[in-house]
N, C-alpha and C. Protein backbone atom coordinates (compact mmCIF):
# COMPACT_ATOMS: atom_id res chain seq x y z
N UNK A 1 3.25 82.89 179.66
CA UNK A 1 2.47 81.83 180.27
C UNK A 1 3.07 81.49 181.63
N UNK A 2 2.23 81.43 182.63
CA UNK A 2 2.69 81.09 183.97
C UNK A 2 2.88 79.57 184.07
N UNK A 3 3.99 79.16 184.61
CA UNK A 3 4.24 77.74 184.79
C UNK A 3 3.65 77.28 186.12
N UNK A 4 3.46 75.99 186.26
CA UNK A 4 2.95 75.45 187.51
C UNK A 4 3.90 75.79 188.66
N UNK A 5 5.19 75.70 188.41
CA UNK A 5 6.18 76.00 189.44
C UNK A 5 6.07 77.45 189.90
N UNK A 6 5.94 78.37 188.95
CA UNK A 6 5.80 79.78 189.31
C UNK A 6 4.50 80.03 190.07
N UNK A 7 3.45 79.32 189.71
CA UNK A 7 2.18 79.46 190.43
C UNK A 7 2.36 79.06 191.89
N UNK A 8 3.11 78.00 192.13
CA UNK A 8 3.38 77.58 193.51
C UNK A 8 4.22 78.61 194.25
N UNK A 9 5.24 79.12 193.58
CA UNK A 9 6.13 80.10 194.23
C UNK A 9 5.42 81.41 194.54
N UNK A 10 4.48 81.80 193.71
CA UNK A 10 3.80 83.08 193.88
C UNK A 10 2.60 83.02 194.82
N UNK A 11 2.19 81.84 195.20
CA UNK A 11 1.03 81.71 196.08
C UNK A 11 1.34 82.29 197.46
N UNK A 12 0.37 82.98 197.99
CA UNK A 12 0.55 83.59 199.30
C UNK A 12 0.02 82.71 200.43
N UNK A 13 -0.87 81.78 200.10
CA UNK A 13 -1.41 80.87 201.10
C UNK A 13 -1.90 79.59 200.41
N UNK A 14 -2.15 78.53 201.18
CA UNK A 14 -2.57 77.25 200.60
C UNK A 14 -3.87 77.35 199.80
N UNK A 15 -4.78 78.19 200.22
CA UNK A 15 -6.05 78.34 199.51
C UNK A 15 -5.83 78.83 198.08
N UNK A 16 -4.87 79.72 197.93
CA UNK A 16 -4.53 80.23 196.60
C UNK A 16 -4.00 79.11 195.70
N UNK A 17 -3.27 78.18 196.27
CA UNK A 17 -2.75 77.04 195.51
C UNK A 17 -3.91 76.15 195.06
N UNK A 18 -4.84 75.87 195.97
CA UNK A 18 -5.97 75.00 195.65
C UNK A 18 -6.86 75.57 194.55
N UNK A 19 -6.94 76.87 194.46
CA UNK A 19 -7.84 77.51 193.50
C UNK A 19 -7.13 78.03 192.26
N UNK A 20 -5.86 77.73 192.10
CA UNK A 20 -5.10 78.25 190.98
C UNK A 20 -5.43 77.49 189.69
N UNK A 21 -5.91 78.21 188.71
CA UNK A 21 -6.31 77.58 187.43
C UNK A 21 -5.15 76.91 186.72
N UNK A 22 -3.98 77.52 186.75
CA UNK A 22 -2.82 76.94 186.06
C UNK A 22 -2.43 75.62 186.69
N UNK A 23 -2.49 75.53 188.01
CA UNK A 23 -2.16 74.27 188.67
C UNK A 23 -3.19 73.19 188.36
N UNK A 24 -4.46 73.58 188.30
CA UNK A 24 -5.51 72.62 187.92
C UNK A 24 -5.29 72.13 186.49
N UNK A 25 -4.92 73.06 185.62
CA UNK A 25 -4.66 72.70 184.23
C UNK A 25 -3.44 71.76 184.14
N UNK A 26 -2.40 72.06 184.90
CA UNK A 26 -1.20 71.21 184.90
C UNK A 26 -1.55 69.80 185.38
N UNK A 27 -2.37 69.72 186.40
CA UNK A 27 -2.77 68.41 186.91
C UNK A 27 -3.54 67.62 185.84
N UNK A 28 -4.45 68.30 185.15
CA UNK A 28 -5.20 67.65 184.08
C UNK A 28 -4.27 67.18 182.97
N UNK A 29 -3.28 68.01 182.60
CA UNK A 29 -2.33 67.64 181.55
C UNK A 29 -1.55 66.40 181.94
N UNK A 30 -1.10 66.34 183.18
CA UNK A 30 -0.33 65.18 183.66
C UNK A 30 -1.21 63.94 183.68
N UNK A 31 -2.43 64.08 184.18
CA UNK A 31 -3.34 62.92 184.22
C UNK A 31 -3.61 62.35 182.83
N UNK A 32 -3.79 63.23 181.86
CA UNK A 32 -4.02 62.79 180.48
C UNK A 32 -2.78 62.06 179.95
N UNK A 33 -1.62 62.61 180.20
CA UNK A 33 -0.37 62.01 179.71
C UNK A 33 -0.09 60.67 180.39
N UNK A 34 -0.36 60.59 181.68
CA UNK A 34 -0.18 59.32 182.40
C UNK A 34 -1.11 58.27 181.80
N UNK A 35 -2.34 58.63 181.55
CA UNK A 35 -3.30 57.69 180.97
C UNK A 35 -2.82 57.20 179.60
N UNK A 36 -2.27 58.11 178.80
CA UNK A 36 -1.76 57.72 177.46
C UNK A 36 -0.59 56.75 177.56
N UNK A 37 0.28 56.96 178.52
CA UNK A 37 1.53 56.22 178.59
C UNK A 37 1.45 54.93 179.42
N UNK A 38 0.38 54.72 180.15
CA UNK A 38 0.28 53.61 181.09
C UNK A 38 0.01 52.26 180.46
N UNK A 39 -0.53 52.22 179.27
CA UNK A 39 -1.05 50.96 178.72
C UNK A 39 0.00 50.02 178.12
N UNK A 40 1.18 50.48 177.85
CA UNK A 40 2.21 49.60 177.30
C UNK A 40 2.95 48.93 178.45
N UNK A 41 2.89 47.61 178.54
CA UNK A 41 3.55 46.93 179.66
C UNK A 41 5.07 46.99 179.54
N UNK A 42 5.74 46.86 180.67
CA UNK A 42 7.21 46.85 180.64
C UNK A 42 7.74 45.58 179.98
N UNK A 43 8.96 45.67 179.50
CA UNK A 43 9.66 44.49 178.97
C UNK A 43 10.62 44.03 180.06
N UNK A 44 10.64 42.73 180.31
CA UNK A 44 11.46 42.18 181.38
C UNK A 44 12.67 41.44 180.82
N UNK A 45 13.74 41.44 181.60
CA UNK A 45 14.89 40.62 181.26
C UNK A 45 14.49 39.16 181.44
N UNK A 46 15.29 38.24 180.89
CA UNK A 46 14.95 36.82 180.96
C UNK A 46 14.79 36.32 182.39
N UNK A 47 15.59 36.87 183.30
CA UNK A 47 15.47 36.43 184.70
C UNK A 47 14.36 37.17 185.45
N UNK A 48 13.73 38.14 184.81
CA UNK A 48 12.61 38.85 185.42
C UNK A 48 12.99 39.87 186.48
N UNK A 49 14.28 40.13 186.63
CA UNK A 49 14.73 41.04 187.68
C UNK A 49 14.71 42.51 187.27
N UNK A 50 14.73 42.76 185.97
CA UNK A 50 14.77 44.15 185.48
C UNK A 50 13.63 44.35 184.49
N UNK A 51 12.93 45.46 184.68
CA UNK A 51 11.85 45.83 183.77
C UNK A 51 12.19 47.18 183.15
N UNK A 52 11.91 47.31 181.86
CA UNK A 52 12.18 48.56 181.14
C UNK A 52 10.86 49.08 180.57
N UNK A 53 10.60 50.34 180.85
CA UNK A 53 9.42 51.02 180.30
C UNK A 53 9.88 51.99 179.23
N UNK A 54 9.25 51.93 178.08
CA UNK A 54 9.56 52.89 177.02
C UNK A 54 8.49 53.97 177.06
N UNK A 55 8.91 55.19 177.39
CA UNK A 55 7.98 56.30 177.53
C UNK A 55 8.47 57.45 176.67
N UNK A 56 7.60 57.93 175.81
CA UNK A 56 7.91 59.07 174.95
C UNK A 56 6.95 60.19 175.32
N UNK A 57 7.40 61.09 176.18
CA UNK A 57 6.53 62.14 176.69
C UNK A 57 7.34 63.37 177.06
N UNK A 58 6.76 64.54 176.84
CA UNK A 58 7.39 65.78 177.29
C UNK A 58 7.19 65.97 178.79
N UNK A 59 6.19 65.32 179.35
CA UNK A 59 5.89 65.44 180.77
C UNK A 59 6.71 64.44 181.57
N UNK A 60 6.97 64.78 182.81
CA UNK A 60 7.75 63.90 183.68
C UNK A 60 6.81 62.92 184.38
N UNK A 61 6.34 61.94 183.62
CA UNK A 61 5.35 60.99 184.13
C UNK A 61 5.94 59.63 184.47
N UNK A 62 7.22 59.41 184.17
CA UNK A 62 7.78 58.07 184.37
C UNK A 62 7.71 57.56 185.81
N UNK A 63 7.87 58.39 186.84
CA UNK A 63 7.76 57.83 188.20
C UNK A 63 6.34 57.30 188.50
N UNK A 64 5.33 58.01 188.02
CA UNK A 64 3.95 57.59 188.25
C UNK A 64 3.67 56.27 187.54
N UNK A 65 4.12 56.17 186.31
CA UNK A 65 3.87 54.97 185.52
C UNK A 65 4.64 53.78 186.09
N UNK A 66 5.87 53.99 186.47
CA UNK A 66 6.66 52.91 187.08
C UNK A 66 6.00 52.42 188.36
N UNK A 67 5.51 53.34 189.17
CA UNK A 67 4.83 52.96 190.41
C UNK A 67 3.58 52.14 190.13
N UNK A 68 2.82 52.53 189.12
CA UNK A 68 1.63 51.76 188.76
C UNK A 68 2.00 50.35 188.34
N UNK A 69 3.04 50.21 187.54
CA UNK A 69 3.42 48.88 187.06
C UNK A 69 3.98 48.03 188.19
N UNK A 70 4.68 48.62 189.13
CA UNK A 70 5.18 47.86 190.28
C UNK A 70 4.00 47.26 191.03
N UNK A 71 2.99 48.08 191.28
CA UNK A 71 1.81 47.58 191.98
C UNK A 71 1.15 46.45 191.21
N UNK A 72 1.01 46.61 189.90
CA UNK A 72 0.40 45.58 189.06
C UNK A 72 1.21 44.30 189.10
N UNK A 73 2.51 44.41 189.00
CA UNK A 73 3.38 43.22 189.01
C UNK A 73 3.34 42.52 190.35
N UNK A 74 3.33 43.28 191.44
CA UNK A 74 3.28 42.66 192.76
C UNK A 74 1.97 41.92 192.98
N UNK A 75 0.87 42.49 192.53
CA UNK A 75 -0.43 41.83 192.66
C UNK A 75 -0.41 40.54 191.84
N UNK A 76 0.14 40.57 190.63
CA UNK A 76 0.21 39.37 189.78
C UNK A 76 1.07 38.30 190.43
N UNK A 77 2.18 38.71 191.02
CA UNK A 77 3.08 37.73 191.65
C UNK A 77 2.42 37.08 192.85
N UNK A 78 1.62 37.83 193.58
CA UNK A 78 0.94 37.27 194.77
C UNK A 78 -0.18 36.32 194.39
N UNK A 79 -0.69 36.43 193.18
CA UNK A 79 -1.77 35.54 192.73
C UNK A 79 -1.25 34.25 192.10
N UNK A 80 0.06 34.10 191.99
CA UNK A 80 0.63 32.89 191.37
C UNK A 80 0.63 31.74 192.36
């Protein structure tokens, strides 16, 4: 099975990357996993300075989910 990383390394030009089925499949897999993992809100320390996200996933989705929650928290804080 070709990995997404190998598909990128083997591409000869940008057009080949855009049309690569494995990369499209990898993107779909990540999007599905992000959607699954996004709905549990972070737990905050009593002072609200630290947030912890519990994520159980084989995919490396934690940066995307953390970024989404930061945006959500900032919007909430601005509406107070």
